[in-house]
């Protein structure tokens, strides 16, 4: 089993990496709310920009631009206005 999260692009190799451990969910544990629903665009953007700031050392403005560009390519957000 190998899939990519539709909301962040993370490879999901095991059921435990899918939201709620459910391989039928097409988003990962990092993109799920505690209830199991997928995070909103705004929640995911905030999470991704914080991750980029920490991992890449970018300032918030640059990280936000990088995250929003990356998210625009992902299935969950591709058709977002």
Protein backbone atom coordinates (compact mmCIF):
# COMPACT_ATOMS: atom_id res chain seq x y z
CA UNK A 1 0.00 0.00 0.00
CA UNK A 2 1.46 3.33 -1.05
CA UNK A 3 -0.48 6.54 -1.56
CA UNK A 4 0.07 10.27 -1.23
CA UNK A 5 -1.96 12.53 1.00
CA UNK A 6 -4.29 14.70 -1.09
CA UNK A 7 -3.87 17.63 1.32
CA UNK A 8 -0.10 17.76 1.94
CA UNK A 9 1.51 15.27 -0.45
CA UNK A 10 3.08 13.09 2.25
CA UNK A 11 3.64 9.49 1.17
CA UNK A 12 1.48 7.10 3.18
CA UNK A 13 3.04 3.64 3.30
CA UNK A 14 0.99 2.07 6.10
CA UNK A 15 -2.56 2.24 7.41
CA UNK A 16 -1.25 4.09 10.47
CA UNK A 17 -0.18 7.03 8.31
CA UNK A 18 -3.74 7.48 6.99
CA UNK A 19 -6.20 9.57 8.99
CA UNK A 20 -7.70 7.50 11.83
CA UNK A 21 -5.60 4.53 10.65
CA UNK A 22 -8.14 4.05 7.84
CA UNK A 23 -6.49 3.24 4.50
CA UNK A 24 -9.70 4.31 2.73
CA UNK A 25 -9.05 7.91 3.82
CA UNK A 26 -7.01 9.75 1.19
CA UNK A 27 -5.41 12.17 3.67
CA UNK A 28 -2.79 11.57 6.34
CA UNK A 29 -2.73 11.74 10.13
CA UNK A 30 -1.11 15.20 9.94
CA UNK A 31 -4.00 16.59 7.89
CA UNK A 32 -6.77 15.18 10.09
CA UNK A 33 -8.54 16.92 12.93
CA UNK A 34 -8.92 14.90 16.15
CA UNK A 35 -12.44 14.01 14.93
CA UNK A 36 -10.97 12.42 11.79
CA UNK A 37 -12.21 15.06 9.36
CA UNK A 38 -9.71 16.67 7.02
CA UNK A 39 -8.43 20.07 8.13
CA UNK A 40 -9.66 23.16 6.31
CA UNK A 41 -7.45 24.93 3.78
CA UNK A 42 -6.66 27.62 6.36
CA UNK A 43 -5.69 25.07 9.02
CA UNK A 44 -3.47 23.16 6.60
CA UNK A 45 -1.84 26.34 5.27
CA UNK A 46 -0.98 27.44 8.81
CA UNK A 47 0.41 24.01 9.67
CA UNK A 48 2.47 23.81 6.47
CA UNK A 49 3.91 27.29 6.81
CA UNK A 50 4.99 26.59 10.41
CA UNK A 51 6.60 23.33 9.24
CA UNK A 52 8.42 25.13 6.40
CA UNK A 53 9.59 27.91 8.72
CA UNK A 54 11.00 25.33 11.14
CA UNK A 55 12.50 22.90 8.61
CA UNK A 56 13.75 25.40 6.00
CA UNK A 57 14.43 28.43 8.18
CA UNK A 58 12.28 30.73 6.03
CA UNK A 59 10.52 33.80 7.35
CA UNK A 60 6.73 33.69 7.66
CA UNK A 61 5.97 35.58 4.45
CA UNK A 62 8.23 33.40 2.32
CA UNK A 63 7.01 30.21 4.03
CA UNK A 64 3.37 31.23 3.42
CA UNK A 65 4.06 31.80 -0.27
CA UNK A 66 5.93 28.48 -0.54
CA UNK A 67 3.15 26.58 1.25
CA UNK A 68 0.35 28.14 -0.79
CA UNK A 69 2.16 27.39 -4.06
CA UNK A 70 2.73 23.78 -3.01
CA UNK A 71 -0.87 23.37 -1.86
CA UNK A 72 -2.21 24.69 -5.18
CA UNK A 73 -0.73 21.58 -6.82
CA UNK A 74 -2.40 19.10 -4.45
CA UNK A 75 -5.74 17.40 -5.28
CA UNK A 76 -7.54 18.66 -2.16
CA UNK A 77 -6.85 22.30 -2.96
CA UNK A 78 -6.26 22.37 -6.72
CA UNK A 79 -9.72 23.73 -7.55
CA UNK A 80 -9.87 26.18 -4.68
CA UNK A 81 -10.69 29.71 -5.89
